Amino acid sequence: MSDDKREKLREYLRNNRPKSKINLGNSSNNKENSNKNLENELNLCNSNLNNDSNSKTLKNSLDNSQISNNKTNSNKRDYDKEPLIIRDYNMHETAFFAVILLLFFLFDFIFNDTSEFFTPKRVVFIFILLEIILELFKCFYKTIIFYDSKIVYKKGSDTALEINLSDIVGVYKTAMCNENFQTQKFISKKLFIFAAVLVGLVMIIFDFNTFIFFFGWIFAIFFGGKFIFFVLLNKKIGFKIYTSYLIKTEKNIINFLPKESDNMEIKRYFFDKLKYIKFDKQLLIS
């Protein structure tokens, strides 16, 4: 309280004290008691004013905290009422690469002057092309639906896989998608690398031209195809190798390819639900 207000309050209390009979013998005591009573009244008033001020401050703080919490809760999306639905374009990318390989195969068959049909490079092309064509016989329309506590993977209208958020052990970015849901059935990456190196060595020893052709066109088709498909899918110029997401549990995975415009919503979902997830791990194959 300021000195001016204190002095005014003191003057008010002095002028409005209840009058009592005067005892001349006890006048000094009465005066001393009066001063003490006045001081006590002033202290009591100050205490009440301070308590009122503290109460108002506490109330304002609680109100502000409540408003802040209400705003946070109101901005938080309820994925059970409004689930995040993402289209999987993995099959579109697979079909695109199948067309590219078929064109290269026809180009080699038409312009290569050879009487042999089953040359080593054509055999390799045929096997890769057949594998991709077999993939295309699977369901083309696939979606991933994100709820508050689970993620559902649908093929058409049928549920292919459902996983709980509590079972997720990692979320990764991948360069290619894998349709196989069973983690334990994956081909070992070490075995894959060993087979590629072995094939490369055999080609170098017995047919160096085939080696150059095979690995050269694999890189050209992969990187060129990724660039062209990215532009066609997202309607903008850009290039990314790791365009797919892999959601992994101990037993299952969901591997899907979204549009670039869906990335922000997907990341917001995982950062909100699984705050420990970081997209710092990238896999060439799942």
C-alpha atoms as a PDB file:
ATOM      1  CA  MET A   1       0.000   0.000   0.000  1.00  0.00           C
ATOM      2  CA  SER A   2       1.323   3.498  -0.830  1.00  0.00           C
ATOM      3  CA  ASP A   3       2.138   6.059   1.893  1.00  0.00           C
ATOM      4  CA  ASP A   4      -0.693   8.384   0.771  1.00  0.00           C
ATOM      5  CA  LYS A   5      -3.323   5.671   1.071  1.00  0.00           C
ATOM      6  CA  ARG A   6      -1.910   4.535   4.410  1.00  0.00           C
ATOM      7  CA  GLU A   7      -2.095   8.101   5.787  1.00  0.00           C
ATOM      8  CA  LYS A   8      -5.663   8.573   4.544  1.00  0.00           C
ATOM      9  CA  LEU A   9      -6.728   5.299   6.138  1.00  0.00           C
ATOM     10  CA  ARG A  10      -5.041   6.274   9.403  1.00  0.00           C
ATOM     11  CA  GLU A  11      -6.853   9.657   9.392  1.00  0.00           C
ATOM     12  CA  TYR A  12     -10.184   7.983   8.649  1.00  0.00           C
ATOM     13  CA  LEU A  13      -9.850   5.502  11.492  1.00  0.00           C
ATOM     14  CA  ARG A  14      -8.728   8.255  13.883  1.00  0.00           C
ATOM     15  CA  ASN A  15     -11.767  10.422  13.118  1.00  0.00           C
ATOM     16  CA  ASN A  16     -14.261   7.558  13.236  1.00  0.00           C
ATOM     17  CA  ARG A  17     -13.202   5.783  16.396  1.00  0.00           C
ATOM     18  CA  PRO A  18     -16.051   5.102  18.805  1.00  0.00           C
ATOM     19  CA  LYS A  19     -16.111   7.678  21.620  1.00  0.00           C
ATOM     20  CA  SER A  20     -15.885   6.533  25.254  1.00  0.00           C
ATOM     21  CA  LYS A  21     -15.840   8.185  28.613  1.00  0.00           C
ATOM     22  CA  ILE A  22     -12.563   9.877  29.503  1.00  0.00           C
ATOM     23  CA  ASN A  23     -10.715   8.709  32.588  1.00  0.00           C
ATOM     24  CA  LEU A  24      -8.148  11.330  33.513  1.00  0.00           C
ATOM     25  CA  GLY A  25      -6.105   8.923  35.601  1.00  0.00           C
ATOM     26  CA  ASN A  26      -5.696   6.525  32.700  1.00  0.00           C
ATOM     27  CA  SER A  27      -5.369   9.008  29.833  1.00  0.00           C
ATOM     28  CA  SER A  28      -1.809   7.992  28.934  1.00  0.00           C
ATOM     29  CA  ASN A  29      -2.720   4.313  28.932  1.00  0.00           C
ATOM     30  CA  ASN A  30      -5.785   4.983  26.830  1.00  0.00           C
ATOM     31  CA  LYS A  31      -3.723   6.930  24.350  1.00  0.00           C
ATOM     32  CA  GLU A  32      -1.167   4.129  24.110  1.00  0.00           C
ATOM     33  CA  ASN A  33      -3.879   1.498  23.743  1.00  0.00           C
ATOM     34  CA  SER A  34      -5.571   3.652  21.146  1.00  0.00           C
ATOM     35  CA  ASN A  35      -2.405   3.878  19.103  1.00  0.00           C
ATOM     36  CA  LYS A  36      -1.902   0.114  19.346  1.00  0.00           C
ATOM     37  CA  ASN A  37      -5.471  -0.552  18.297  1.00  0.00           C
ATOM     38  CA  LEU A  38      -5.073   1.840  15.403  1.00  0.00           C
ATOM     39  CA  GLU A  39      -1.891   0.100  14.278  1.00  0.00           C
ATOM     40  CA  ASN A  40      -3.573  -3.317  14.570  1.00  0.00           C
ATOM     41  CA  GLU A  41      -6.483  -2.108  12.476  1.00  0.00           C
ATOM     42  CA  LEU A  42      -4.085  -0.798   9.842  1.00  0.00           C
ATOM     43  CA  ASN A  43      -2.191  -4.091   9.757  1.00  0.00           C
ATOM     44  CA  LEU A  44      -5.458  -6.006   9.485  1.00  0.00           C
ATOM     45  CA  CYS A  45      -6.576  -3.841   6.571  1.00  0.00           C
ATOM     46  CA  ASN A  46      -3.239  -4.298   4.828  1.00  0.00           C
ATOM     47  CA  SER A  47      -3.442  -8.045   5.365  1.00  0.00           C
ATOM     48  CA  ASN A  48      -6.936  -8.196   3.899  1.00  0.00           C
ATOM     49  CA  LEU A  49      -5.893  -6.108   0.909  1.00  0.00           C
ATOM     50  CA  ASN A  50      -2.870  -8.319   0.274  1.00  0.00           C
ATOM     51  CA  ASN A  51      -4.992 -11.454   0.592  1.00  0.00           C
ATOM     52  CA  ASP A  52      -7.493 -10.042  -1.885  1.00  0.00           C
ATOM     53  CA  SER A  53      -4.690  -9.174  -4.292  1.00  0.00           C
ATOM     54  CA  ASN A  54      -3.122 -12.647  -3.989  1.00  0.00           C
ATOM     55  CA  SER A  55      -6.503 -14.295  -4.446  1.00  0.00           C
ATOM     56  CA  LYS A  56      -7.135 -12.314  -7.616  1.00  0.00           C
ATOM     57  CA  THR A  57      -3.660 -13.164  -8.952  1.00  0.00           C
ATOM     58  CA  LEU A  58      -4.148 -16.869  -8.208  1.00  0.00           C
ATOM     59  CA  LYS A  59      -7.591 -16.849  -9.775  1.00  0.00           C
ATOM     60  CA  ASN A  60      -6.281 -15.128 -12.911  1.00  0.00           C
ATOM     61  CA  SER A  61      -3.432 -17.635 -13.126  1.00  0.00           C
ATOM     62  CA  LEU A  62      -5.814 -20.584 -12.806  1.00  0.00           C
ATOM     63  CA  ASP A  63      -8.174 -19.069 -15.368  1.00  0.00           C
ATOM     64  CA  ASN A  64      -5.334 -18.525 -17.841  1.00  0.00           C
ATOM     65  CA  SER A  65      -4.073 -22.066 -17.281  1.00  0.00           C
ATOM     66  CA  GLN A  66      -7.561 -23.458 -17.808  1.00  0.00           C
ATOM     67  CA  ILE A  67      -7.988 -21.433 -21.009  1.00  0.00           C
ATOM     68  CA  SER A  68      -4.612 -22.634 -22.286  1.00  0.00           C
ATOM     69  CA  ASN A  69      -5.483 -26.274 -21.546  1.00  0.00           C
ATOM     70  CA  ASN A  70      -8.867 -25.915 -23.197  1.00  0.00           C
ATOM     71  CA  LYS A  71      -7.258 -24.433 -26.321  1.00  0.00           C
ATOM     72  CA  THR A  72      -4.701 -27.267 -26.439  1.00  0.00           C
ATOM     73  CA  ASN A  73      -7.369 -29.936 -26.034  1.00  0.00           C
ATOM     74  CA  SER A  74      -9.650 -28.300 -28.582  1.00  0.00           C
ATOM     75  CA  ASN A  75      -6.822 -28.180 -31.146  1.00  0.00           C
ATOM     76  CA  LYS A  76      -5.972 -31.851 -30.627  1.00  0.00           C
ATOM     77  CA  ARG A  77      -7.497 -34.039 -33.312  1.00  0.00           C
ATOM     78  CA  ASP A  78      -9.740 -36.929 -32.306  1.00  0.00           C
ATOM     79  CA  TYR A  79      -8.666 -39.624 -34.765  1.00  0.00           C
ATOM     80  CA  ASP A  80     -11.486 -41.956 -33.741  1.00  0.00           C
ATOM     81  CA  LYS A  81     -14.081 -39.403 -34.829  1.00  0.00           C
ATOM     82  CA  GLU A  82     -11.996 -38.025 -37.692  1.00  0.00           C
ATOM     83  CA  PRO A  83      -9.479 -40.709 -38.759  1.00  0.00           C
ATOM     84  CA  LEU A  84      -6.569 -39.918 -41.052  1.00  0.00           C
ATOM     85  CA  ILE A  85      -7.059 -41.836 -44.325  1.00  0.00           C
ATOM     86  CA  ILE A  86      -4.028 -42.183 -46.607  1.00  0.00           C
ATOM     87  CA  ARG A  87      -4.053 -43.736 -50.080  1.00  0.00           C
ATOM     88  CA  ASP A  88      -1.233 -46.205 -50.813  1.00  0.00           C
ATOM     89  CA  TYR A  89       0.314 -45.632 -54.261  1.00  0.00           C
ATOM     90  CA  ASN A  90       2.786 -48.511 -54.075  1.00  0.00           C
ATOM     91  CA  MET A  91       0.987 -50.484 -56.793  1.00  0.00           C
ATOM     92  CA  HIS A  92       1.006 -47.443 -59.077  1.00  0.00           C
ATOM     93  CA  GLU A  93       4.779 -47.200 -58.726  1.00  0.00           C
ATOM     94  CA  THR A  94       5.104 -50.950 -59.341  1.00  0.00           C
ATOM     95  CA  ALA A  95       3.003 -50.689 -62.511  1.00  0.00           C
ATOM     96  CA  PHE A  96       5.096 -47.737 -63.663  1.00  0.00           C
ATOM     97  CA  PHE A  97       8.348 -49.709 -63.310  1.00  0.00           C
ATOM     98  CA  ALA A  98       6.750 -52.675 -65.102  1.00  0.00           C
ATOM     99  CA  VAL A  99       5.979 -50.464 -68.104  1.00  0.00           C
ATOM    100  CA  ILE A 100       9.527 -49.063 -68.127  1.00  0.00           C
ATOM    101  CA  LEU A 101      11.088 -52.539 -68.012  1.00  0.00           C
ATOM    102  CA  LEU A 102       8.784 -53.775 -70.752  1.00  0.00           C
ATOM    103  CA  LEU A 103       9.774 -50.848 -72.972  1.00  0.00           C
ATOM    104  CA  PHE A 104      13.476 -51.508 -72.400  1.00  0.00           C
ATOM    105  CA  PHE A 105      12.955 -55.187 -73.156  1.00  0.00           C
ATOM    106  CA  LEU A 106      11.164 -54.386 -76.435  1.00  0.00           C
ATOM    107  CA  PHE A 107      13.820 -51.807 -77.308  1.00  0.00           C
ATOM    108  CA  ASP A 108      16.591 -54.383 -76.821  1.00  0.00           C
ATOM    109  CA  PHE A 109      14.676 -57.046 -78.760  1.00  0.00           C
ATOM    110  CA  ILE A 110      14.014 -54.771 -81.756  1.00  0.00           C
ATOM    111  CA  PHE A 111      17.340 -52.980 -82.096  1.00  0.00           C
ATOM    112  CA  ASN A 112      19.788 -55.635 -80.900  1.00  0.00           C
ATOM    113  CA  ASP A 113      21.096 -57.678 -83.828  1.00  0.00           C
ATOM    114  CA  THR A 114      21.184 -61.161 -82.364  1.00  0.00           C
ATOM    115  CA  SER A 115      19.671 -64.433 -83.446  1.00  0.00           C
ATOM    116  CA  GLU A 116      19.366 -65.665 -79.848  1.00  0.00           C
ATOM    117  CA  PHE A 117      16.212 -64.773 -77.973  1.00  0.00           C
ATOM    118  CA  PHE A 118      17.243 -65.955 -74.484  1.00  0.00           C
ATOM    119  CA  THR A 119      20.407 -63.966 -73.972  1.00  0.00           C
ATOM    120  CA  PRO A 120      21.565 -63.517 -70.322  1.00  0.00           C
ATOM    121  CA  LYS A 121      20.361 -59.933 -70.065  1.00  0.00           C
ATOM    122  CA  ARG A 122      16.980 -60.823 -71.589  1.00  0.00           C
ATOM    123  CA  VAL A 123      16.554 -63.657 -69.107  1.00  0.00           C
ATOM    124  CA  VAL A 124      17.233 -61.222 -66.264  1.00  0.00           C
ATOM    125  CA  PHE A 125      14.707 -58.778 -67.717  1.00  0.00           C
ATOM    126  CA  ILE A 126      12.087 -61.509 -68.097  1.00  0.00           C
ATOM    127  CA  PHE A 127      12.403 -62.661 -64.469  1.00  0.00           C
ATOM    128  CA  ILE A 128      12.214 -59.123 -63.094  1.00  0.00           C
ATOM    129  CA  LEU A 129       9.277 -58.292 -65.361  1.00  0.00           C
ATOM    130  CA  LEU A 130       7.366 -61.430 -64.344  1.00  0.00           C
ATOM    131  CA  GLU A 131       7.893 -60.626 -60.657  1.00  0.00           C
ATOM    132  CA  ILE A 132       6.505 -57.127 -61.134  1.00  0.00           C
ATOM    133  CA  ILE A 133       3.558 -58.352 -63.208  1.00  0.00           C
ATOM    134  CA  LEU A 134       2.650 -60.849 -60.473  1.00  0.00           C
ATOM    135  CA  GLU A 135       2.602 -57.951 -57.997  1.00  0.00           C
ATOM    136  CA  LEU A 136       0.078 -56.166 -60.186  1.00  0.00           C
ATOM    137  CA  PHE A 137      -2.452 -58.977 -59.750  1.00  0.00           C
ATOM    138  CA  LYS A 138      -2.816 -57.968 -56.106  1.00  0.00           C
ATOM    139  CA  CYS A 139      -5.402 -55.436 -54.983  1.00  0.00           C
ATOM    140  CA  PHE A 140      -4.751 -52.066 -56.591  1.00  0.00           C
ATOM    141  CA  TYR A 141      -6.768 -49.841 -54.236  1.00  0.00           C
ATOM    142  CA  LYS A 142      -5.222 -49.822 -50.754  1.00  0.00           C
ATOM    143  CA  THR A 143      -5.627 -47.374 -47.889  1.00  0.00           C
ATOM    144  CA  ILE A 144      -4.147 -46.890 -44.432  1.00  0.00           C
ATOM    145  CA  ILE A 145      -6.507 -45.563 -41.739  1.00  0.00           C
ATOM    146  CA  PHE A 146      -5.003 -43.963 -38.620  1.00  0.00           C
ATOM    147  CA  TYR A 147      -7.042 -44.028 -35.393  1.00  0.00           C
ATOM    148  CA  ASP A 148      -6.197 -42.888 -31.858  1.00  0.00           C
ATOM    149  CA  SER A 149      -4.993 -46.309 -30.718  1.00  0.00           C
ATOM    150  CA  LYS A 150      -4.575 -48.397 -33.885  1.00  0.00           C
ATOM    151  CA  ILE A 151      -3.684 -48.368 -37.584  1.00  0.00           C
ATOM    152  CA  VAL A 152      -5.738 -50.341 -40.106  1.00  0.00           C
ATOM    153  CA  TYR A 153      -4.477 -51.423 -43.542  1.00  0.00           C
ATOM    154  CA  LYS A 154      -7.255 -52.074 -46.063  1.00  0.00           C
ATOM    155  CA  LYS A 155      -7.273 -53.697 -49.488  1.00  0.00           C
ATOM    156  CA  GLY A 156     -10.403 -52.451 -51.122  1.00  0.00           C
ATOM    157  CA  SER A 157     -13.077 -52.827 -48.452  1.00  0.00           C
ATOM    158  CA  ASP A 158     -11.342 -55.730 -46.672  1.00  0.00           C
ATOM    159  CA  THR A 159      -9.101 -55.277 -43.639  1.00  0.00           C
ATOM    160  CA  ALA A 160      -5.731 -56.849 -44.455  1.00  0.00           C
ATOM    161  CA  LEU A 161      -3.938 -55.944 -41.226  1.00  0.00           C
ATOM    162  CA  GLU A 162      -4.600 -54.094 -37.983  1.00  0.00           C
ATOM    163  CA  ILE A 163      -1.906 -53.088 -35.492  1.00  0.00           C
ATOM    164  CA  ASN A 164      -2.074 -51.317 -32.130  1.00  0.00           C
ATOM    165  CA  LEU A 165       0.058 -48.247 -31.509  1.00  0.00           C
ATOM    166  CA  SER A 166       1.409 -49.838 -28.336  1.00  0.00           C
ATOM    167  CA  ASP A 167       2.921 -52.660 -30.449  1.00  0.00           C
ATOM    168  CA  ILE A 168       4.900 -50.375 -32.785  1.00  0.00           C
ATOM    169  CA  VAL A 169       8.671 -50.686 -32.357  1.00  0.00           C
ATOM    170  CA  GLY A 170       9.744 -48.321 -35.144  1.00  0.00           C
ATOM    171  CA  VAL A 171       8.720 -46.155 -38.078  1.00  0.00           C
ATOM    172  CA  TYR A 172      11.141 -45.865 -41.003  1.00  0.00           C
ATOM    173  CA  LYS A 173      11.409 -44.336 -44.471  1.00  0.00           C
ATOM    174  CA  THR A 174      12.086 -46.831 -47.274  1.00  0.00           C
ATOM    175  CA  ALA A 175      12.980 -46.587 -50.950  1.00  0.00           C
ATOM    176  CA  MET A 176      10.797 -49.530 -51.985  1.00  0.00           C
ATOM    177  CA  CYS A 177       7.678 -51.142 -50.564  1.00  0.00           C
ATOM    178  CA  ASN A 178       7.253 -54.749 -49.461  1.00  0.00           C
ATOM    179  CA  GLU A 179       3.832 -56.365 -49.673  1.00  0.00           C
ATOM    180  CA  ASN A 180       4.751 -59.132 -47.223  1.00  0.00           C
ATOM    181  CA  PHE A 181       3.192 -58.410 -43.809  1.00  0.00           C
ATOM    182  CA  GLN A 182       5.137 -61.090 -41.930  1.00  0.00           C
ATOM    183  CA  THR A 183       8.477 -59.711 -40.747  1.00  0.00           C
ATOM    184  CA  GLN A 184       9.977 -63.128 -40.077  1.00  0.00           C
ATOM    185  CA  LYS A 185       9.380 -64.130 -43.710  1.00  0.00           C
ATOM    186  CA  PHE A 186      11.529 -61.349 -45.127  1.00  0.00           C
ATOM    187  CA  ILE A 187      14.483 -62.250 -47.284  1.00  0.00           C
ATOM    188  CA  SER A 188      17.596 -61.466 -45.275  1.00  0.00           C
ATOM    189  CA  LYS A 189      19.293 -58.263 -46.416  1.00  0.00           C
ATOM    190  CA  LYS A 190      22.689 -59.928 -46.006  1.00  0.00           C
ATOM    191  CA  LEU A 191      21.539 -62.753 -48.287  1.00  0.00           C
ATOM    192  CA  PHE A 192      20.240 -60.220 -50.799  1.00  0.00           C
ATOM    193  CA  ILE A 193      23.560 -58.340 -50.846  1.00  0.00           C
ATOM    194  CA  PHE A 194      25.539 -61.599 -51.078  1.00  0.00           C
ATOM    195  CA  ALA A 195      23.456 -62.780 -54.058  1.00  0.00           C
ATOM    196  CA  ALA A 196      23.878 -59.434 -55.846  1.00  0.00           C
ATOM    197  CA  VAL A 197      27.662 -59.500 -55.332  1.00  0.00           C
ATOM    198  CA  LEU A 198      27.857 -63.131 -56.487  1.00  0.00           C
ATOM    199  CA  VAL A 199      25.881 -62.420 -59.662  1.00  0.00           C
ATOM    200  CA  GLY A 200      28.070 -59.388 -60.301  1.00  0.00           C
ATOM    201  CA  LEU A 201      31.298 -61.399 -59.948  1.00  0.00           C
ATOM    202  CA  VAL A 202      30.025 -64.144 -62.258  1.00  0.00           C
ATOM    203  CA  MET A 203      29.064 -61.565 -64.868  1.00  0.00           C
ATOM    204  CA  ILE A 204      32.446 -59.825 -64.605  1.00  0.00           C
ATOM    205  CA  ILE A 205      34.299 -63.117 -65.071  1.00  0.00           C
ATOM    206  CA  PHE A 206      32.184 -64.611 -67.851  1.00  0.00           C
ATOM    207  CA  ASP A 207      30.389 -61.691 -69.485  1.00  0.00           C
ATOM    208  CA  PHE A 208      31.611 -58.207 -68.569  1.00  0.00           C
ATOM    209  CA  ASN A 209      29.334 -56.523 -71.103  1.00  0.00           C
ATOM    210  CA  THR A 210      26.279 -58.106 -69.483  1.00  0.00           C
ATOM    211  CA  PHE A 211      27.514 -56.901 -66.071  1.00  0.00           C
ATOM    212  CA  ILE A 212      27.811 -53.311 -67.282  1.00  0.00           C
ATOM    213  CA  PHE A 213      24.461 -53.519 -69.025  1.00  0.00           C
ATOM    214  CA  PHE A 214      22.637 -55.102 -66.104  1.00  0.00           C
ATOM    215  CA  PHE A 215      23.835 -52.890 -63.247  1.00  0.00           C
ATOM    216  CA  GLY A 216      23.966 -49.769 -65.392  1.00  0.00           C
ATOM    217  CA  TRP A 217      20.372 -50.099 -66.485  1.00  0.00           C
ATOM    218  CA  ILE A 218      19.245 -51.089 -62.978  1.00  0.00           C
ATOM    219  CA  PHE A 219      20.578 -47.807 -61.598  1.00  0.00           C
ATOM    220  CA  ALA A 220      19.257 -45.826 -64.551  1.00  0.00           C
ATOM    221  CA  ILE A 221      15.798 -47.383 -64.341  1.00  0.00           C
ATOM    222  CA  PHE A 222      15.606 -47.048 -60.557  1.00  0.00           C
ATOM    223  CA  PHE A 223      16.712 -43.427 -60.202  1.00  0.00           C
ATOM    224  CA  GLY A 224      15.138 -42.259 -63.449  1.00  0.00           C
ATOM    225  CA  GLY A 225      11.922 -44.089 -62.654  1.00  0.00           C
ATOM    226  CA  LYS A 226      11.771 -42.667 -59.110  1.00  0.00           C
ATOM    227  CA  PHE A 227      12.165 -39.151 -60.477  1.00  0.00           C
ATOM    228  CA  ILE A 228       9.530 -39.516 -63.226  1.00  0.00           C
ATOM    229  CA  PHE A 229       7.013 -41.222 -60.939  1.00  0.00           C
ATOM    230  CA  PHE A 230       7.511 -38.567 -58.230  1.00  0.00           C
ATOM    231  CA  VAL A 231       6.682 -35.855 -60.768  1.00  0.00           C
ATOM    232  CA  LEU A 232       3.643 -37.720 -62.133  1.00  0.00           C
ATOM    233  CA  LEU A 233       2.254 -38.563 -58.678  1.00  0.00           C
ATOM    234  CA  ASN A 234       2.802 -35.216 -56.959  1.00  0.00           C
ATOM    235  CA  LYS A 235       2.407 -32.897 -59.976  1.00  0.00           C
ATOM    236  CA  LYS A 236       5.632 -31.055 -59.150  1.00  0.00           C
ATOM    237  CA  ILE A 237       9.338 -31.282 -59.921  1.00  0.00           C
ATOM    238  CA  GLY A 238      11.323 -33.088 -57.246  1.00  0.00           C
ATOM    239  CA  PHE A 239      13.280 -36.187 -56.389  1.00  0.00           C
ATOM    240  CA  LYS A 240      13.407 -38.337 -53.264  1.00  0.00           C
ATOM    241  CA  ILE A 241      14.709 -41.864 -52.842  1.00  0.00           C
ATOM    242  CA  TYR A 242      13.049 -42.599 -49.501  1.00  0.00           C
ATOM    243  CA  THR A 243       9.399 -41.940 -50.279  1.00  0.00           C
ATOM    244  CA  SER A 244       7.648 -44.830 -48.503  1.00  0.00           C
ATOM    245  CA  TYR A 245       6.829 -45.399 -44.823  1.00  0.00           C
ATOM    246  CA  LEU A 246       7.379 -48.631 -42.939  1.00  0.00           C
ATOM    247  CA  ILE A 247       5.512 -49.138 -39.649  1.00  0.00           C
ATOM    248  CA  LYS A 248       7.023 -52.081 -37.816  1.00  0.00           C
ATOM    249  CA  THR A 249       5.925 -54.282 -34.915  1.00  0.00           C
ATOM    250  CA  GLU A 250       7.620 -57.411 -33.601  1.00  0.00           C
ATOM    251  CA  LYS A 251       5.677 -59.618 -36.037  1.00  0.00           C
ATOM    252  CA  ASN A 252       4.173 -57.428 -38.759  1.00  0.00           C
ATOM    253  CA  ILE A 253       4.783 -54.392 -40.929  1.00  0.00           C
ATOM    254  CA  ILE A 254       2.746 -51.881 -42.897  1.00  0.00           C
ATOM    255  CA  ASN A 255       4.740 -50.502 -45.821  1.00  0.00           C
ATOM    256  CA  PHE A 256       3.030 -47.857 -47.979  1.00  0.00           C
ATOM    257  CA  LEU A 257       3.739 -45.050 -50.423  1.00  0.00           C
ATOM    258  CA  PRO A 258       1.757 -41.816 -49.866  1.00  0.00           C
ATOM    259  CA  LYS A 259       1.643 -38.589 -51.818  1.00  0.00           C
ATOM    260  CA  GLU A 260       4.130 -35.894 -50.852  1.00  0.00           C
ATOM    261  CA  SER A 261       1.238 -33.705 -49.662  1.00  0.00           C
ATOM    262  CA  ASP A 262       0.278 -36.346 -47.060  1.00  0.00           C
ATOM    263  CA  ASN A 263       3.687 -36.361 -45.361  1.00  0.00           C
ATOM    264  CA  MET A 264       2.943 -33.525 -42.934  1.00  0.00           C
ATOM    265  CA  GLU A 265      -0.256 -35.168 -41.667  1.00  0.00           C
ATOM    266  CA  ILE A 266       1.485 -38.529 -41.250  1.00  0.00           C
ATOM    267  CA  LYS A 267       4.393 -37.019 -39.297  1.00  0.00           C
ATOM    268  CA  ARG A 268       2.020 -34.963 -37.141  1.00  0.00           C
ATOM    269  CA  TYR A 269       0.131 -38.143 -36.265  1.00  0.00           C
ATOM    270  CA  PHE A 270       3.256 -40.050 -35.208  1.00  0.00           C
ATOM    271  CA  PHE A 271       4.756 -37.126 -33.280  1.00  0.00           C
ATOM    272  CA  ASP A 272       1.452 -36.722 -31.456  1.00  0.00           C
ATOM    273  CA  LYS A 273       0.859 -40.402 -30.696  1.00  0.00           C
ATOM    274  CA  LEU A 274       4.415 -41.754 -30.559  1.00  0.00           C
ATOM    275  CA  LYS A 275       6.591 -38.859 -29.428  1.00  0.00           C
ATOM    276  CA  TYR A 276       9.716 -41.008 -29.357  1.00  0.00           C
ATOM    277  CA  ILE A 277       9.495 -41.795 -33.080  1.00  0.00           C
ATOM    278  CA  LYS A 278      12.116 -40.059 -35.229  1.00  0.00           C
ATOM    279  CA  PHE A 279      12.470 -40.499 -38.976  1.00  0.00           C
ATOM    280  CA  ASP A 280      16.250 -40.688 -38.832  1.00  0.00           C
ATOM    281  CA  LYS A 281      16.459 -44.304 -39.971  1.00  0.00           C
ATOM    282  CA  GLN A 282      16.153 -44.980 -43.668  1.00  0.00           C
ATOM    283  CA  LEU A 283      16.133 -48.372 -45.359  1.00  0.00           C
ATOM    284  CA  LEU A 284      16.760 -49.120 -49.015  1.00  0.00           C
ATOM    285  CA  ILE A 285      14.564 -52.210 -48.786  1.00  0.00           C
ATOM    286  CA  SER A 286      12.112 -53.267 -46.097  1.00  0.00           C
END
